[in-house]
N, C-alpha and C. Protein backbone atom coordinates (compact mmCIF):
# COMPACT_ATOMS: atom_id res chain seq x y z
N MET A 1 24.00 7.81 0.17
CA MET A 1 23.02 7.48 -0.83
C MET A 1 22.36 6.16 -0.40
N TYR A 2 21.09 6.12 -0.54
CA TYR A 2 20.30 4.94 -0.15
C TYR A 2 19.59 4.45 -1.41
N PHE A 3 19.72 3.15 -1.71
CA PHE A 3 19.01 2.61 -2.86
C PHE A 3 18.72 1.14 -2.62
N GLY A 4 17.94 0.56 -3.51
CA GLY A 4 17.55 -0.83 -3.38
C GLY A 4 17.98 -1.65 -4.58
N ILE A 5 18.22 -2.92 -4.33
CA ILE A 5 18.56 -3.86 -5.40
C ILE A 5 17.41 -4.85 -5.52
N SER A 6 16.91 -4.99 -6.72
CA SER A 6 15.77 -5.86 -6.96
C SER A 6 16.17 -7.02 -7.85
N ASN A 7 15.56 -8.17 -7.59
CA ASN A 7 15.79 -9.35 -8.41
C ASN A 7 14.46 -10.12 -8.42
N ALA A 8 13.83 -10.17 -9.56
CA ALA A 8 12.49 -10.77 -9.66
C ALA A 8 12.48 -12.22 -9.19
N TYR A 9 13.51 -13.00 -9.52
CA TYR A 9 13.55 -14.41 -9.12
C TYR A 9 13.57 -14.53 -7.60
N THR A 10 14.45 -13.77 -6.95
CA THR A 10 14.57 -13.84 -5.49
C THR A 10 13.31 -13.36 -4.81
N GLU A 11 12.75 -12.27 -5.28
CA GLU A 11 11.54 -11.73 -4.66
C GLU A 11 10.37 -12.70 -4.81
N ASN A 12 10.24 -13.32 -5.97
CA ASN A 12 9.20 -14.32 -6.20
C ASN A 12 9.39 -15.51 -5.26
N LYS A 13 10.63 -15.95 -5.10
CA LYS A 13 10.94 -17.09 -4.23
C LYS A 13 10.56 -16.77 -2.78
N CYS A 14 10.90 -15.58 -2.30
CA CYS A 14 10.58 -15.18 -0.92
C CYS A 14 9.07 -15.19 -0.68
N VAL A 15 8.32 -14.62 -1.61
CA VAL A 15 6.86 -14.57 -1.46
C VAL A 15 6.27 -15.97 -1.51
N ARG A 16 6.79 -16.82 -2.38
CA ARG A 16 6.26 -18.19 -2.48
C ARG A 16 6.63 -19.03 -1.25
N ILE A 17 7.84 -18.88 -0.73
CA ILE A 17 8.22 -19.62 0.47
C ILE A 17 7.32 -19.21 1.63
N ASN A 18 7.13 -17.91 1.79
CA ASN A 18 6.28 -17.44 2.88
C ASN A 18 4.84 -17.89 2.68
N SER A 19 4.36 -17.90 1.46
CA SER A 19 2.99 -18.33 1.19
C SER A 19 2.82 -19.82 1.45
N GLY A 20 3.89 -20.59 1.22
CA GLY A 20 3.81 -22.03 1.43
C GLY A 20 3.58 -22.42 2.88
N SER A 21 3.96 -21.57 3.80
CA SER A 21 3.79 -21.88 5.22
C SER A 21 2.51 -21.29 5.79
N ARG A 22 1.71 -20.66 4.97
CA ARG A 22 0.51 -19.96 5.46
C ARG A 22 -0.74 -20.48 4.77
N ASP A 23 -1.33 -21.51 5.32
CA ASP A 23 -2.56 -22.05 4.74
C ASP A 23 -3.73 -21.09 4.90
N GLU A 24 -3.74 -20.39 6.04
CA GLU A 24 -4.81 -19.43 6.29
C GLU A 24 -4.67 -18.27 5.30
N GLY A 25 -5.74 -17.94 4.67
CA GLY A 25 -5.73 -16.83 3.74
C GLY A 25 -5.57 -17.24 2.29
N LYS A 26 -5.24 -18.52 2.04
CA LYS A 26 -5.10 -18.98 0.65
C LYS A 26 -6.48 -19.19 0.04
N SER A 27 -6.62 -18.82 -1.19
CA SER A 27 -7.84 -19.08 -1.95
C SER A 27 -7.48 -19.09 -3.42
N ASP A 28 -8.42 -19.47 -4.25
CA ASP A 28 -8.17 -19.44 -5.69
C ASP A 28 -7.91 -18.02 -6.17
N ASP A 29 -8.56 -17.05 -5.52
CA ASP A 29 -8.37 -15.65 -5.90
C ASP A 29 -7.09 -15.05 -5.34
N ALA A 30 -6.59 -15.62 -4.23
CA ALA A 30 -5.38 -15.10 -3.58
C ALA A 30 -4.49 -16.28 -3.17
N PRO A 31 -3.80 -16.88 -4.15
CA PRO A 31 -3.01 -18.08 -3.86
C PRO A 31 -1.70 -17.81 -3.12
N LEU A 32 -1.28 -16.55 -3.02
CA LEU A 32 0.00 -16.22 -2.39
C LEU A 32 -0.20 -15.24 -1.24
N PRO A 33 -0.64 -15.73 -0.07
CA PRO A 33 -0.84 -14.82 1.05
C PRO A 33 0.45 -14.18 1.55
N GLY A 34 1.60 -14.72 1.18
CA GLY A 34 2.88 -14.16 1.59
C GLY A 34 3.23 -12.86 0.88
N VAL A 35 2.40 -12.44 -0.06
CA VAL A 35 2.68 -11.19 -0.78
C VAL A 35 2.63 -10.00 0.17
N ASP A 36 1.99 -10.16 1.33
CA ASP A 36 1.96 -9.05 2.28
C ASP A 36 3.34 -8.75 2.87
N HIS A 37 4.31 -9.63 2.62
CA HIS A 37 5.67 -9.41 3.09
C HIS A 37 6.54 -8.72 2.04
N SER A 38 5.98 -8.43 0.88
CA SER A 38 6.77 -7.83 -0.19
C SER A 38 7.37 -6.47 0.15
N PRO A 39 6.85 -5.69 1.12
CA PRO A 39 7.54 -4.45 1.46
C PRO A 39 8.95 -4.66 2.02
N ALA A 40 9.30 -5.90 2.36
CA ALA A 40 10.66 -6.20 2.81
C ALA A 40 11.66 -6.11 1.67
N LEU A 41 11.15 -6.03 0.46
CA LEU A 41 11.99 -6.02 -0.73
C LEU A 41 11.81 -4.70 -1.46
N PRO A 42 12.73 -4.20 -2.19
CA PRO A 42 14.04 -4.75 -2.54
C PRO A 42 15.03 -4.65 -1.37
N LEU A 43 16.19 -5.22 -1.57
CA LEU A 43 17.24 -5.18 -0.56
C LEU A 43 17.84 -3.78 -0.50
N GLU A 44 17.99 -3.27 0.73
CA GLU A 44 18.50 -1.91 0.89
C GLU A 44 20.02 -1.90 0.91
N VAL A 45 20.59 -0.90 0.28
CA VAL A 45 22.04 -0.69 0.28
C VAL A 45 22.27 0.78 0.62
N LEU A 46 23.22 1.02 1.49
CA LEU A 46 23.56 2.38 1.90
C LEU A 46 25.01 2.65 1.52
N VAL A 47 25.25 3.72 0.78
CA VAL A 47 26.60 4.12 0.40
C VAL A 47 26.91 5.42 1.15
N VAL A 48 27.98 5.38 1.96
CA VAL A 48 28.34 6.52 2.80
C VAL A 48 29.70 7.04 2.37
N ASN A 49 29.75 8.32 2.03
CA ASN A 49 31.01 8.98 1.67
C ASN A 49 31.25 10.08 2.69
N ASP A 50 32.26 9.89 3.56
CA ASP A 50 32.53 10.90 4.59
C ASP A 50 33.65 11.86 4.17
N GLY A 51 34.02 11.83 2.91
CA GLY A 51 35.06 12.72 2.41
C GLY A 51 36.44 12.07 2.41
N LYS A 52 36.62 11.04 3.20
CA LYS A 52 37.90 10.33 3.26
C LYS A 52 37.81 8.94 2.64
N ARG A 53 36.64 8.33 2.80
CA ARG A 53 36.46 6.99 2.24
C ARG A 53 34.99 6.76 1.95
N VAL A 54 34.74 5.75 1.14
CA VAL A 54 33.38 5.37 0.78
C VAL A 54 33.12 3.99 1.36
N GLN A 55 32.00 3.85 2.04
CA GLN A 55 31.61 2.55 2.59
C GLN A 55 30.27 2.15 1.99
N VAL A 56 30.13 0.87 1.70
CA VAL A 56 28.87 0.31 1.23
C VAL A 56 28.43 -0.70 2.29
N VAL A 57 27.22 -0.51 2.81
CA VAL A 57 26.74 -1.38 3.88
C VAL A 57 25.32 -1.85 3.59
N GLN A 58 24.99 -3.00 4.17
CA GLN A 58 23.63 -3.51 4.11
C GLN A 58 23.45 -4.47 5.28
N TYR A 59 22.20 -4.73 5.62
CA TYR A 59 21.91 -5.69 6.67
C TYR A 59 22.26 -7.08 6.18
N GLY A 60 22.68 -7.95 7.10
CA GLY A 60 22.91 -9.35 6.75
C GLY A 60 21.61 -9.98 6.26
N GLN A 61 21.68 -10.77 5.22
CA GLN A 61 20.47 -11.29 4.60
C GLN A 61 19.72 -12.27 5.49
N MET A 62 20.41 -13.09 6.26
CA MET A 62 19.69 -14.00 7.15
C MET A 62 18.97 -13.21 8.24
N TRP A 63 19.56 -12.11 8.70
CA TRP A 63 18.88 -11.26 9.66
C TRP A 63 17.61 -10.68 9.04
N ARG A 64 17.71 -10.24 7.80
CA ARG A 64 16.53 -9.70 7.11
C ARG A 64 15.44 -10.75 6.99
N MET A 65 15.83 -11.97 6.63
CA MET A 65 14.83 -13.02 6.48
C MET A 65 14.15 -13.32 7.82
N GLN A 66 14.93 -13.34 8.90
CA GLN A 66 14.34 -13.59 10.22
C GLN A 66 13.42 -12.43 10.63
N LEU A 67 13.77 -11.22 10.28
CA LEU A 67 12.97 -10.06 10.65
C LEU A 67 11.68 -10.00 9.83
N TYR A 68 11.79 -10.08 8.53
CA TYR A 68 10.64 -9.86 7.66
C TYR A 68 9.81 -11.10 7.39
N PHE A 69 10.42 -12.26 7.46
CA PHE A 69 9.72 -13.50 7.12
C PHE A 69 9.71 -14.46 8.30
N TRP A 70 9.62 -13.93 9.52
CA TRP A 70 9.70 -14.74 10.74
C TRP A 70 8.63 -15.83 10.79
N ASP A 71 7.49 -15.60 10.18
CA ASP A 71 6.41 -16.57 10.27
C ASP A 71 6.58 -17.76 9.32
N SER A 72 7.65 -17.75 8.53
CA SER A 72 7.93 -18.89 7.64
C SER A 72 8.70 -19.98 8.36
N GLY A 73 9.30 -19.67 9.47
CA GLY A 73 10.13 -20.64 10.18
C GLY A 73 11.58 -20.52 9.80
N TYR A 74 12.44 -20.98 10.69
CA TYR A 74 13.89 -20.81 10.49
C TYR A 74 14.41 -21.59 9.28
N GLY A 75 13.86 -22.75 9.00
CA GLY A 75 14.40 -23.58 7.94
C GLY A 75 13.99 -23.17 6.54
N ALA A 76 13.01 -22.29 6.41
CA ALA A 76 12.47 -21.97 5.09
C ALA A 76 13.49 -21.37 4.14
N PHE A 77 14.39 -20.56 4.67
CA PHE A 77 15.36 -19.87 3.81
C PHE A 77 16.77 -20.45 3.92
N ALA A 78 16.90 -21.55 4.63
CA ALA A 78 18.23 -22.17 4.80
C ALA A 78 18.65 -22.88 3.55
């Protein structure tokens, strides 16, 4: 089973952090250019049942941040 976990506070923070590092594209009409990274959210969770055991797995969050929000810089999410 594949599903996502959403948290409005965290998602808002990610978009704002990414927008803070991107002066290009900011305007009064579009103050958050980092919204183009929102497809990285929600966080994916995979539940695997092979008949003997159930495993719950997800990508490491720092790896996700480096993959999806690479243009924010390494320190942005530290």
